[in-house]
Amino acid sequence: MNICRLYRQILRMQLKLPKDMQALGTPYIRHEFKQHYQQGTDAQKQTFIQEWTSVLSSDLTDTAVDHNDLKSNTMTREQQARLDLLKRTIN
């Protein structure tokens, strides 16, 4: 697989994730591609491509947690109120 195509597909996959997860994932992906792919040996590059291709095929959106479901199922009303207050304060 072409490395540029793989990079674009992974970044597109990130767009399916919640915004807070995108904020963590996108810089990480950029760093990984810059740091490891550009400086590796041919064998390392091949391994790098294989690993990221497997990430792409696993579709991270299947494992993404819906934060609203998590909040309503596991948090007390007091915790939910504190979280809502914190969100309003941040925004």
N, C-alpha and C. Protein backbone atom coordinates (compact mmCIF):
# COMPACT_ATOMS: atom_id res chain seq x y z
N MET A 1 0.85 -1.19 0.00
CA MET A 1 0.00 0.00 0.00
C MET A 1 0.88 1.24 0.00
N ASN A 2 0.48 2.21 -0.75
CA ASN A 2 1.18 3.49 -0.81
C ASN A 2 1.10 4.17 0.56
N ILE A 3 2.24 4.66 1.04
CA ILE A 3 2.29 5.25 2.37
C ILE A 3 1.43 6.51 2.48
N CYS A 4 1.38 7.31 1.43
CA CYS A 4 0.55 8.53 1.47
C CYS A 4 -0.92 8.19 1.53
N ARG A 5 -1.30 7.17 0.79
CA ARG A 5 -2.70 6.73 0.80
C ARG A 5 -3.08 6.19 2.18
N LEU A 6 -2.20 5.40 2.76
CA LEU A 6 -2.44 4.85 4.10
C LEU A 6 -2.60 5.98 5.12
N TYR A 7 -1.72 6.95 5.06
CA TYR A 7 -1.76 8.11 5.96
C TYR A 7 -3.09 8.84 5.85
N ARG A 8 -3.52 9.12 4.61
CA ARG A 8 -4.80 9.81 4.39
C ARG A 8 -5.98 8.99 4.91
N GLN A 9 -5.96 7.68 4.68
CA GLN A 9 -7.07 6.83 5.13
C GLN A 9 -7.15 6.79 6.65
N ILE A 10 -6.02 6.75 7.30
CA ILE A 10 -6.02 6.73 8.77
C ILE A 10 -6.53 8.06 9.31
N LEU A 11 -6.10 9.17 8.71
CA LEU A 11 -6.60 10.47 9.15
C LEU A 11 -8.11 10.60 8.90
N ARG A 12 -8.59 10.06 7.80
CA ARG A 12 -10.03 10.07 7.54
C ARG A 12 -10.77 9.23 8.58
N MET A 13 -10.19 8.12 8.96
CA MET A 13 -10.81 7.27 9.98
C MET A 13 -10.94 8.05 11.30
N GLN A 14 -9.97 8.89 11.58
CA GLN A 14 -10.00 9.71 12.80
C GLN A 14 -11.22 10.63 12.83
N LEU A 15 -11.69 11.04 11.68
CA LEU A 15 -12.83 11.96 11.62
C LEU A 15 -14.12 11.33 12.14
N LYS A 16 -14.17 10.01 12.21
CA LYS A 16 -15.34 9.31 12.73
C LYS A 16 -15.37 9.30 14.26
N LEU A 17 -14.25 9.58 14.85
CA LEU A 17 -14.14 9.54 16.32
C LEU A 17 -14.67 10.83 16.94
N PRO A 18 -15.02 10.79 18.23
CA PRO A 18 -15.41 12.02 18.93
C PRO A 18 -14.27 13.04 18.89
N LYS A 19 -14.62 14.31 18.96
CA LYS A 19 -13.64 15.39 18.83
C LYS A 19 -12.49 15.28 19.82
N ASP A 20 -12.79 14.89 21.07
CA ASP A 20 -11.72 14.80 22.06
C ASP A 20 -10.73 13.69 21.71
N MET A 21 -11.22 12.61 21.12
CA MET A 21 -10.32 11.53 20.71
C MET A 21 -9.53 11.93 19.46
N GLN A 22 -10.15 12.71 18.58
CA GLN A 22 -9.44 13.22 17.40
C GLN A 22 -8.28 14.10 17.82
N ALA A 23 -8.52 14.92 18.85
CA ALA A 23 -7.49 15.84 19.33
C ALA A 23 -6.26 15.09 19.84
N LEU A 24 -6.46 13.89 20.35
CA LEU A 24 -5.33 13.08 20.80
C LEU A 24 -4.72 12.27 19.66
N GLY A 25 -5.58 11.71 18.82
CA GLY A 25 -5.12 10.77 17.81
C GLY A 25 -4.41 11.40 16.63
N THR A 26 -4.91 12.51 16.13
CA THR A 26 -4.35 13.10 14.93
C THR A 26 -2.89 13.53 15.13
N PRO A 27 -2.55 14.25 16.20
CA PRO A 27 -1.13 14.60 16.39
C PRO A 27 -0.25 13.35 16.58
N TYR A 28 -0.81 12.34 17.24
CA TYR A 28 -0.04 11.10 17.44
C TYR A 28 0.28 10.45 16.09
N ILE A 29 -0.72 10.36 15.22
CA ILE A 29 -0.52 9.75 13.91
C ILE A 29 0.51 10.54 13.11
N ARG A 30 0.38 11.85 13.11
CA ARG A 30 1.35 12.69 12.38
C ARG A 30 2.76 12.46 12.89
N HIS A 31 2.89 12.42 14.20
CA HIS A 31 4.21 12.21 14.81
C HIS A 31 4.77 10.85 14.42
N GLU A 32 3.94 9.82 14.49
CA GLU A 32 4.39 8.47 14.15
C GLU A 32 4.91 8.41 12.71
N PHE A 33 4.15 8.98 11.80
CA PHE A 33 4.57 8.92 10.40
C PHE A 33 5.85 9.72 10.16
N LYS A 34 5.96 10.88 10.78
CA LYS A 34 7.17 11.68 10.60
C LYS A 34 8.37 11.02 11.25
N GLN A 35 8.19 10.58 12.47
CA GLN A 35 9.29 10.04 13.27
C GLN A 35 9.78 8.69 12.76
N HIS A 36 8.87 7.77 12.54
CA HIS A 36 9.28 6.39 12.30
C HIS A 36 9.39 6.02 10.84
N TYR A 37 8.46 6.46 10.03
CA TYR A 37 8.51 6.03 8.64
C TYR A 37 9.66 6.67 7.89
N GLN A 38 9.88 7.94 8.10
CA GLN A 38 10.91 8.64 7.32
C GLN A 38 12.32 8.23 7.70
N GLN A 39 12.52 7.70 8.90
CA GLN A 39 13.87 7.42 9.37
C GLN A 39 14.21 5.94 9.44
N GLY A 40 13.27 5.07 9.11
CA GLY A 40 13.51 3.65 9.28
C GLY A 40 14.20 3.00 8.10
N THR A 41 14.68 1.78 8.35
CA THR A 41 15.23 0.95 7.27
C THR A 41 14.07 0.40 6.46
N ASP A 42 14.37 -0.25 5.35
CA ASP A 42 13.31 -0.82 4.51
C ASP A 42 12.48 -1.85 5.27
N ALA A 43 13.13 -2.68 6.07
CA ALA A 43 12.40 -3.70 6.86
C ALA A 43 11.51 -3.02 7.90
N GLN A 44 12.01 -1.98 8.54
CA GLN A 44 11.22 -1.26 9.53
C GLN A 44 10.04 -0.56 8.88
N LYS A 45 10.25 -0.01 7.69
CA LYS A 45 9.17 0.65 6.97
C LYS A 45 8.07 -0.35 6.60
N GLN A 46 8.48 -1.54 6.19
CA GLN A 46 7.50 -2.57 5.84
C GLN A 46 6.69 -2.97 7.07
N THR A 47 7.34 -3.14 8.20
CA THR A 47 6.64 -3.46 9.44
C THR A 47 5.71 -2.33 9.84
N PHE A 48 6.18 -1.11 9.71
CA PHE A 48 5.39 0.07 10.02
C PHE A 48 4.11 0.08 9.18
N ILE A 49 4.23 -0.16 7.90
CA ILE A 49 3.07 -0.17 7.01
C ILE A 49 2.11 -1.30 7.39
N GLN A 50 2.64 -2.47 7.69
CA GLN A 50 1.79 -3.61 8.09
C GLN A 50 1.02 -3.30 9.35
N GLU A 51 1.67 -2.72 10.34
CA GLU A 51 1.01 -2.43 11.61
C GLU A 51 -0.09 -1.38 11.43
N TRP A 52 0.20 -0.32 10.69
CA TRP A 52 -0.82 0.72 10.48
C TRP A 52 -1.94 0.23 9.58
N THR A 53 -1.65 -0.67 8.67
CA THR A 53 -2.70 -1.27 7.84
C THR A 53 -3.63 -2.11 8.71
N SER A 54 -3.08 -2.81 9.68
CA SER A 54 -3.93 -3.59 10.59
C SER A 54 -4.78 -2.68 11.46
N VAL A 55 -4.25 -1.54 11.86
CA VAL A 55 -5.04 -0.56 12.62
C VAL A 55 -6.19 -0.07 11.75
N LEU A 56 -5.89 0.23 10.51
CA LEU A 56 -6.91 0.71 9.58
C LEU A 56 -8.00 -0.34 9.37
N SER A 57 -7.61 -1.59 9.25
CA SER A 57 -8.60 -2.64 9.03
C SER A 57 -9.43 -2.94 10.27
N SER A 58 -8.89 -2.63 11.45
CA SER A 58 -9.64 -2.88 12.69
C SER A 58 -10.72 -1.84 12.91
N ASP A 59 -10.63 -0.69 12.24
CA ASP A 59 -11.60 0.39 12.33
C ASP A 59 -11.82 0.79 13.79
N LEU A 60 -11.03 1.71 14.24
CA LEU A 60 -11.05 2.16 15.64
C LEU A 60 -12.40 2.67 16.10
N THR A 61 -13.25 3.05 15.18
CA THR A 61 -14.55 3.58 15.58
C THR A 61 -15.41 2.51 16.23
N ASP A 62 -15.12 1.24 15.96
CA ASP A 62 -15.87 0.16 16.60
C ASP A 62 -15.56 0.08 18.09
N THR A 63 -14.36 0.50 18.46
CA THR A 63 -13.95 0.40 19.86
C THR A 63 -14.10 1.71 20.62
N ALA A 64 -14.52 2.75 19.92
CA ALA A 64 -14.68 4.06 20.57
C ALA A 64 -15.83 4.01 21.56
N VAL A 65 -15.63 4.64 22.70
CA VAL A 65 -16.64 4.67 23.76
C VAL A 65 -17.56 5.86 23.53
N ASP A 66 -18.85 5.63 23.64
CA ASP A 66 -19.81 6.74 23.58
C ASP A 66 -19.84 7.35 24.98
N HIS A 67 -19.30 8.55 25.10
CA HIS A 67 -19.17 9.18 26.41
C HIS A 67 -20.51 9.47 27.05
N ASN A 68 -21.53 9.74 26.26
CA ASN A 68 -22.86 9.98 26.83
C ASN A 68 -23.43 8.72 27.46
N ASP A 69 -23.25 7.57 26.81
CA ASP A 69 -23.71 6.31 27.39
C ASP A 69 -22.94 5.99 28.67
N LEU A 70 -21.64 6.22 28.63
CA LEU A 70 -20.82 5.95 29.80
C LEU A 70 -21.26 6.82 30.97
N LYS A 71 -21.53 8.08 30.69
CA LYS A 71 -21.94 9.01 31.74
C LYS A 71 -23.26 8.58 32.37
N SER A 72 -24.23 8.22 31.56
CA SER A 72 -25.54 7.89 32.10
C SER A 72 -25.57 6.54 32.80
N ASN A 73 -24.69 5.63 32.42
CA ASN A 73 -24.71 4.29 32.99
C ASN A 73 -23.84 4.11 34.23
N THR A 74 -22.81 4.92 34.37
CA THR A 74 -21.86 4.65 35.45
C THR A 74 -21.67 5.79 36.44
N MET A 75 -22.22 6.95 36.15
CA MET A 75 -21.99 8.09 37.03
C MET A 75 -23.24 8.41 37.85
N THR A 76 -22.99 8.83 39.08
CA THR A 76 -24.11 9.27 39.91
C THR A 76 -24.58 10.63 39.42
N ARG A 77 -25.74 11.08 39.89
CA ARG A 77 -26.25 12.38 39.47
C ARG A 77 -25.30 13.50 39.88
N GLU A 78 -24.71 13.35 41.06
CA GLU A 78 -23.77 14.37 41.52
C GLU A 78 -22.54 14.42 40.60
N GLN A 79 -22.03 13.27 40.20
CA GLN A 79 -20.88 13.23 39.30
C GLN A 79 -21.24 13.81 37.93
N GLN A 80 -22.44 13.51 37.45
CA GLN A 80 -22.89 14.05 36.17
C GLN A 80 -22.99 15.58 36.24
N ALA A 81 -23.51 16.09 37.36
CA ALA A 81 -23.63 17.54 37.53
C ALA A 81 -22.25 18.20 37.56
N ARG A 82 -21.29 17.57 38.24
CA ARG A 82 -19.93 18.12 38.29
C ARG A 82 -19.29 18.12 36.91
N LEU A 83 -19.49 17.04 36.18
CA LEU A 83 -18.94 16.94 34.83
C LEU A 83 -19.55 18.01 33.92
N ASP A 84 -20.85 18.19 34.00
CA ASP A 84 -21.52 19.22 33.20
C ASP A 84 -21.01 20.62 33.55
N LEU A 85 -20.81 20.87 34.84
CA LEU A 85 -20.27 22.16 35.28
C LEU A 85 -18.86 22.36 34.74
N LEU A 86 -18.05 21.34 34.79
CA LEU A 86 -16.69 21.42 34.28
C LEU A 86 -16.70 21.69 32.77
N LYS A 87 -17.56 21.02 32.03
CA LYS A 87 -17.66 21.25 30.59
C LYS A 87 -18.06 22.68 30.28
N ARG A 88 -19.02 23.20 31.04
CA ARG A 88 -19.46 24.59 30.82
C ARG A 88 -18.34 25.56 31.15
N THR A 89 -17.56 25.26 32.17
CA THR A 89 -16.46 26.13 32.57
C THR A 89 -15.38 26.15 31.50
N ILE A 90 -15.10 25.01 30.92
CA ILE A 90 -14.06 24.90 29.88
C ILE A 90 -14.47 25.62 28.62
N ASN A 91 -15.72 25.44 28.25
CA ASN A 91 -16.20 26.06 26.99
C ASN A 91 -16.52 27.50 27.26
